[in-house]
């Protein structure tokens, strides 16, 4: 899969999970809160991928 398609899938899933999480824990939250939560969720996925790749690269060098 190319990187743009992966980003689109992650953005869609991040927005869906942001809506579900915000409706469960903060039903009164507005759209700005939901968008911010979605951005945070997608950012966390890219951060976790970065550390996973970095970890696997250092293990290969040893």
PDB file of N, CA and C in Angstrom:
ATOM      1  N   UNK A   1       0.838  -1.177   0.000  1.00  0.00           N
ATOM      2  CA  UNK A   1       0.000   0.000   0.000  1.00  0.00           C
ATOM      3  C   UNK A   1       0.887   1.245   0.000  1.00  0.00           C
ATOM      4  N   UNK A   2       0.461   2.226  -0.745  1.00  0.00           N
ATOM      5  CA  UNK A   2       1.259   3.446  -0.719  1.00  0.00           C
ATOM      6  C   UNK A   2       0.923   4.264   0.524  1.00  0.00           C
ATOM      7  N   UNK A   3       1.783   5.230   0.820  1.00  0.00           N
ATOM      8  CA  UNK A   3       1.676   5.956   2.085  1.00  0.00           C
ATOM      9  C   UNK A   3       0.426   6.826   2.166  1.00  0.00           C
ATOM     10  N   UNK A   4      -0.030   7.341   1.021  1.00  0.00           N
ATOM     11  CA  UNK A   4      -1.230   8.176   1.047  1.00  0.00           C
ATOM     12  C   UNK A   4      -2.465   7.354   1.396  1.00  0.00           C
ATOM     13  N   UNK A   5      -2.547   6.146   0.860  1.00  0.00           N
ATOM     14  CA  UNK A   5      -3.683   5.282   1.168  1.00  0.00           C
ATOM     15  C   UNK A   5      -3.678   4.884   2.644  1.00  0.00           C
ATOM     16  N   UNK A   6      -2.503   4.625   3.190  1.00  0.00           N
ATOM     17  CA  UNK A   6      -2.388   4.297   4.618  1.00  0.00           C
ATOM     18  C   UNK A   6      -2.841   5.490   5.457  1.00  0.00           C
ATOM     19  N   UNK A   7      -2.457   6.697   5.043  1.00  0.00           N
ATOM     20  CA  UNK A   7      -2.888   7.893   5.767  1.00  0.00           C
ATOM     21  C   UNK A   7      -4.405   8.049   5.728  1.00  0.00           C
ATOM     22  N   UNK A   8      -5.019   7.830   4.576  1.00  0.00           N
ATOM     23  CA  UNK A   8      -6.473   7.950   4.450  1.00  0.00           C
ATOM     24  C   UNK A   8      -7.176   6.942   5.357  1.00  0.00           C
ATOM     25  N   UNK A   9      -6.698   5.699   5.359  1.00  0.00           N
ATOM     26  CA  UNK A   9      -7.301   4.671   6.219  1.00  0.00           C
ATOM     27  C   UNK A   9      -7.155   5.050   7.684  1.00  0.00           C
ATOM     28  N   UNK A  10      -5.972   5.521   8.073  1.00  0.00           N
ATOM     29  CA  UNK A  10      -5.754   5.915   9.466  1.00  0.00           C
ATOM     30  C   UNK A  10      -6.600   7.127   9.837  1.00  0.00           C
ATOM     31  N   UNK A  11      -6.759   8.069   8.923  1.00  0.00           N
ATOM     32  CA  UNK A  11      -7.572   9.257   9.207  1.00  0.00           C
ATOM     33  C   UNK A  11      -9.040   8.872   9.384  1.00  0.00           C
ATOM     34  N   UNK A  12      -9.532   7.978   8.543  1.00  0.00           N
ATOM     35  CA  UNK A  12     -10.928   7.545   8.661  1.00  0.00           C
ATOM     36  C   UNK A  12     -11.139   6.799   9.974  1.00  0.00           C
ATOM     37  N   UNK A  13     -10.261   5.849  10.272  1.00  0.00           N
ATOM     38  CA  UNK A  13     -10.397   5.100  11.521  1.00  0.00           C
ATOM     39  C   UNK A  13     -10.212   6.003  12.740  1.00  0.00           C
ATOM     40  N   UNK A  14      -9.275   6.943  12.644  1.00  0.00           N
ATOM     41  CA  UNK A  14      -9.069   7.881  13.745  1.00  0.00           C
ATOM     42  C   UNK A  14     -10.288   8.739  14.002  1.00  0.00           C
ATOM     43  N   UNK A  15     -10.942   9.179  12.935  1.00  0.00           N
ATOM     44  CA  UNK A  15     -12.137  10.003  13.122  1.00  0.00           C
ATOM     45  C   UNK A  15     -13.297   9.180  13.681  1.00  0.00           C
ATOM     46  N   UNK A  16     -13.433   7.943  13.227  1.00  0.00           N
ATOM     47  CA  UNK A  16     -14.500   7.084  13.755  1.00  0.00           C
ATOM     48  C   UNK A  16     -14.283   6.816  15.245  1.00  0.00           C
ATOM     49  N   UNK A  17     -13.062   6.454  15.605  1.00  0.00           N
ATOM     50  CA  UNK A  17     -12.778   6.185  17.012  1.00  0.00           C
ATOM     51  C   UNK A  17     -12.883   7.454  17.853  1.00  0.00           C
ATOM     52  N   UNK A  18     -12.538   8.603  17.290  1.00  0.00           N
ATOM     53  CA  UNK A  18     -12.664   9.861  18.030  1.00  0.00           C
ATOM     54  C   UNK A  18     -14.127  10.155  18.350  1.00  0.00           C
ATOM     55  N   UNK A  19     -14.999   9.904  17.395  1.00  0.00           N
ATOM     56  CA  UNK A  19     -16.427  10.127  17.637  1.00  0.00           C
ATOM     57  C   UNK A  19     -16.939   9.161  18.707  1.00  0.00           C
ATOM     58  N   UNK A  20     -16.558   7.900  18.591  1.00  0.00           N
ATOM     59  CA  UNK A  20     -17.028   6.903  19.567  1.00  0.00           C
ATOM     60  C   UNK A  20     -16.514   7.225  20.968  1.00  0.00           C
ATOM     61  N   UNK A  21     -15.224   7.516  21.083  1.00  0.00           N
ATOM     62  CA  UNK A  21     -14.638   7.809  22.395  1.00  0.00           C
ATOM     63  C   UNK A  21     -15.251   9.067  22.988  1.00  0.00           C
ATOM     64  N   UNK A  22     -15.405  10.106  22.172  1.00  0.00           N
ATOM     65  CA  UNK A  22     -15.948  11.360  22.706  1.00  0.00           C
ATOM     66  C   UNK A  22     -17.411  11.204  23.115  1.00  0.00           C
ATOM     67  N   UNK A  23     -18.171  10.423  22.381  1.00  0.00           N
ATOM     68  CA  UNK A  23     -19.585  10.227  22.751  1.00  0.00           C
ATOM     69  C   UNK A  23     -19.717   9.369  24.001  1.00  0.00           C
ATOM     70  N   UNK A  24     -18.775   8.479  24.238  1.00  0.00           N
ATOM     71  CA  UNK A  24     -18.834   7.643  25.435  1.00  0.00           C
ATOM     72  C   UNK A  24     -18.449   8.429  26.689  1.00  0.00           C
ATOM     73  N   UNK A  25     -17.390   9.238  26.603  1.00  0.00           N
ATOM     74  CA  UNK A  25     -16.857   9.888  27.789  1.00  0.00           C
ATOM     75  C   UNK A  25     -17.242  11.352  27.927  1.00  0.00           C
ATOM     76  N   UNK A  26     -17.502  12.040  26.815  1.00  0.00           N
ATOM     77  CA  UNK A  26     -17.903  13.450  26.861  1.00  0.00           C
ATOM     78  C   UNK A  26     -19.006  13.699  25.849  1.00  0.00           C
ATOM     79  N   UNK A  27     -20.228  13.324  26.160  1.00  0.00           N
ATOM     80  CA  UNK A  27     -21.329  13.486  25.201  1.00  0.00           C
ATOM     81  C   UNK A  27     -21.593  14.942  24.812  1.00  0.00           C
ATOM     82  N   UNK A  28     -21.205  15.875  25.661  1.00  0.00           N
ATOM     83  CA  UNK A  28     -21.453  17.287  25.369  1.00  0.00           C
ATOM     84  C   UNK A  28     -20.346  17.918  24.527  1.00  0.00           C
ATOM     85  N   UNK A  29     -19.339  17.152  24.147  1.00  0.00           N
ATOM     86  CA  UNK A  29     -18.188  17.682  23.395  1.00  0.00           C
ATOM     87  C   UNK A  29     -18.625  18.172  22.024  1.00  0.00           C
ATOM     88  N   UNK A  30     -18.006  19.262  21.617  1.00  0.00           N
ATOM     89  CA  UNK A  30     -18.323  19.857  20.326  1.00  0.00           C
ATOM     90  C   UNK A  30     -17.463  19.272  19.214  1.00  0.00           C
ATOM     91  N   UNK A  31     -17.698  19.724  17.994  1.00  0.00           N
ATOM     92  CA  UNK A  31     -16.944  19.208  16.840  1.00  0.00           C
ATOM     93  C   UNK A  31     -15.446  19.490  16.916  1.00  0.00           C
ATOM     94  N   UNK A  32     -15.063  20.632  17.493  1.00  0.00           N
ATOM     95  CA  UNK A  32     -13.635  20.956  17.590  1.00  0.00           C
ATOM     96  C   UNK A  32     -12.909  19.942  18.482  1.00  0.00           C
ATOM     97  N   UNK A  33     -13.549  19.530  19.561  1.00  0.00           N
ATOM     98  CA  UNK A  33     -12.951  18.531  20.449  1.00  0.00           C
ATOM     99  C   UNK A  33     -12.783  17.200  19.729  1.00  0.00           C
ATOM    100  N   UNK A  34     -13.778  16.816  18.954  1.00  0.00           N
ATOM    101  CA  UNK A  34     -13.728  15.540  18.233  1.00  0.00           C
ATOM    102  C   UNK A  34     -12.639  15.567  17.168  1.00  0.00           C
ATOM    103  N   UNK A  35     -12.521  16.681  16.448  1.00  0.00           N
ATOM    104  CA  UNK A  35     -11.470  16.804  15.434  1.00  0.00           C
ATOM    105  C   UNK A  35     -10.096  16.763  16.094  1.00  0.00           C
ATOM    106  N   UNK A  36      -9.943  17.455  17.202  1.00  0.00           N
ATOM    107  CA  UNK A  36      -8.671  17.431  17.924  1.00  0.00           C
ATOM    108  C   UNK A  36      -8.316  16.044  18.419  1.00  0.00           C
ATOM    109  N   UNK A  37      -9.295  15.332  18.928  1.00  0.00           N
ATOM    110  CA  UNK A  37      -9.062  13.964  19.381  1.00  0.00           C
ATOM    111  C   UNK A  37      -8.668  13.062  18.222  1.00  0.00           C
ATOM    112  N   UNK A  38      -9.303  13.247  17.078  1.00  0.00           N
ATOM    113  CA  UNK A  38      -8.938  12.466  15.881  1.00  0.00           C
ATOM    114  C   UNK A  38      -7.514  12.735  15.445  1.00  0.00           C
ATOM    115  N   UNK A  39      -7.104  13.999  15.476  1.00  0.00           N
ATOM    116  CA  UNK A  39      -5.724  14.356  15.112  1.00  0.00           C
ATOM    117  C   UNK A  39      -4.743  13.730  16.083  1.00  0.00           C
ATOM    118  N   UNK A  40      -5.077  13.750  17.360  1.00  0.00           N
ATOM    119  CA  UNK A  40      -4.204  13.139  18.369  1.00  0.00           C
ATOM    120  C   UNK A  40      -4.089  11.629  18.141  1.00  0.00           C
ATOM    121  N   UNK A  41      -5.193  10.971  17.849  1.00  0.00           N
ATOM    122  CA  UNK A  41      -5.159   9.520  17.625  1.00  0.00           C
ATOM    123  C   UNK A  41      -4.311   9.154  16.411  1.00  0.00           C
ATOM    124  N   UNK A  42      -4.460   9.892  15.323  1.00  0.00           N
ATOM    125  CA  UNK A  42      -3.669   9.607  14.121  1.00  0.00           C
ATOM    126  C   UNK A  42      -2.199   9.908  14.382  1.00  0.00           C
ATOM    127  N   UNK A  43      -1.913  10.975  15.122  1.00  0.00           N
ATOM    128  CA  UNK A  43      -0.525  11.303  15.458  1.00  0.00           C
ATOM    129  C   UNK A  43       0.122  10.208  16.298  1.00  0.00           C
ATOM    130  N   UNK A  44      -0.642   9.660  17.229  1.00  0.00           N
ATOM    131  CA  UNK A  44      -0.119   8.579  18.064  1.00  0.00           C
ATOM    132  C   UNK A  44       0.221   7.354  17.218  1.00  0.00           C
ATOM    133  N   UNK A  45      -0.600   7.058  16.196  1.00  0.00           N
ATOM    134  CA  UNK A  45      -0.302   5.894  15.362  1.00  0.00           C
ATOM    135  C   UNK A  45       1.001   6.091  14.595  1.00  0.00           C
ATOM    136  N   UNK A  46       1.226   7.308  14.084  1.00  0.00           N
ATOM    137  CA  UNK A  46       2.478   7.562  13.369  1.00  0.00           C
ATOM    138  C   UNK A  46       3.668   7.553  14.321  1.00  0.00           C
ATOM    139  N   UNK A  47       3.489   8.037  15.535  1.00  0.00           N
ATOM    140  CA  UNK A  47       4.566   8.010  16.520  1.00  0.00           C
ATOM    141  C   UNK A  47       4.928   6.575  16.901  1.00  0.00           C
ATOM    142  N   UNK A  48       3.911   5.746  17.092  1.00  0.00           N
ATOM    143  CA  UNK A  48       4.169   4.340  17.423  1.00  0.00           C
ATOM    144  C   UNK A  48       4.860   3.625  16.260  1.00  0.00           C
ATOM    145  N   UNK A  49       4.477   3.926  15.030  1.00  0.00           N
ATOM    146  CA  UNK A  49       5.124   3.322  13.880  1.00  0.00           C
ATOM    147  C   UNK A  49       6.583   3.747  13.795  1.00  0.00           C
ATOM    148  N   UNK A  50       6.869   5.010  14.077  1.00  0.00           N
ATOM    149  CA  UNK A  50       8.241   5.509  14.055  1.00  0.00           C
ATOM    150  C   UNK A  50       9.112   4.752  15.047  1.00  0.00           C
ATOM    151  N   UNK A  51       8.616   4.589  16.278  1.00  0.00           N
ATOM    152  CA  UNK A  51       9.400   3.885  17.290  1.00  0.00           C
ATOM    153  C   UNK A  51       9.527   2.400  16.975  1.00  0.00           C
ATOM    154  N   UNK A  52       8.513   1.809  16.365  1.00  0.00           N
ATOM    155  CA  UNK A  52       8.591   0.393  16.002  1.00  0.00           C
ATOM    156  C   UNK A  52       9.650   0.175  14.924  1.00  0.00           C
ATOM    157  N   UNK A  53       9.684   1.040  13.932  1.00  0.00           N
ATOM    158  CA  UNK A  53      10.685   0.923  12.858  1.00  0.00           C
ATOM    159  C   UNK A  53      12.076   1.206  13.402  1.00  0.00           C
ATOM    160  N   UNK A  54      12.184   2.215  14.268  1.00  0.00           N
ATOM    161  CA  UNK A  54      13.477   2.545  14.863  1.00  0.00           C
ATOM    162  C   UNK A  54      13.999   1.381  15.697  1.00  0.00           C
ATOM    163  N   UNK A  55      13.121   0.738  16.458  1.00  0.00           N
ATOM    164  CA  UNK A  55      13.517  -0.394  17.290  1.00  0.00           C
ATOM    165  C   UNK A  55      13.965  -1.571  16.435  1.00  0.00           C
ATOM    166  N   UNK A  56      13.246  -1.852  15.350  1.00  0.00           N
ATOM    167  CA  UNK A  56      13.624  -2.985  14.510  1.00  0.00           C
ATOM    168  C   UNK A  56      14.928  -2.707  13.762  1.00  0.00           C
ATOM    169  N   UNK A  57      15.213  -1.446  13.434  1.00  0.00           N
ATOM    170  CA  UNK A  57      16.472  -1.112  12.771  1.00  0.00           C
ATOM    171  C   UNK A  57      17.653  -1.289  13.715  1.00  0.00           C
ATOM    172  N   UNK A  58      17.500  -0.913  14.990  1.00  0.00           N
ATOM    173  CA  UNK A  58      18.600  -1.065  15.924  1.00  0.00           C
ATOM    174  C   UNK A  58      18.839  -2.534  16.247  1.00  0.00           C
ATOM    175  N   UNK A  59      17.816  -3.360  16.244  1.00  0.00           N
ATOM    176  CA  UNK A  59      18.006  -4.785  16.510  1.00  0.00           C
ATOM    177  C   UNK A  59      18.702  -5.468  15.342  1.00  0.00           C
ATOM    178  N   UNK A  60      18.509  -4.998  14.141  1.00  0.00           N
ATOM    179  CA  UNK A  60      19.176  -5.590  12.979  1.00  0.00           C
ATOM    180  C   UNK A  60      20.655  -5.267  12.960  1.00  0.00           C
ATOM    181  N   UNK A  61      21.035  -4.112  13.514  1.00  0.00           N
ATOM    182  CA  UNK A  61      22.440  -3.698  13.498  1.00  0.00           C
ATOM    183  C   UNK A  61      23.273  -4.477  14.496  1.00  0.00           C
ATOM    184  N   UNK A  62      22.637  -5.012  15.526  1.00  0.00           N
ATOM    185  CA  UNK A  62      23.392  -5.701  16.600  1.00  0.00           C
ATOM    186  C   UNK A  62      23.807  -7.076  16.153  1.00  0.00           C
TER     187      UNK A  62
END
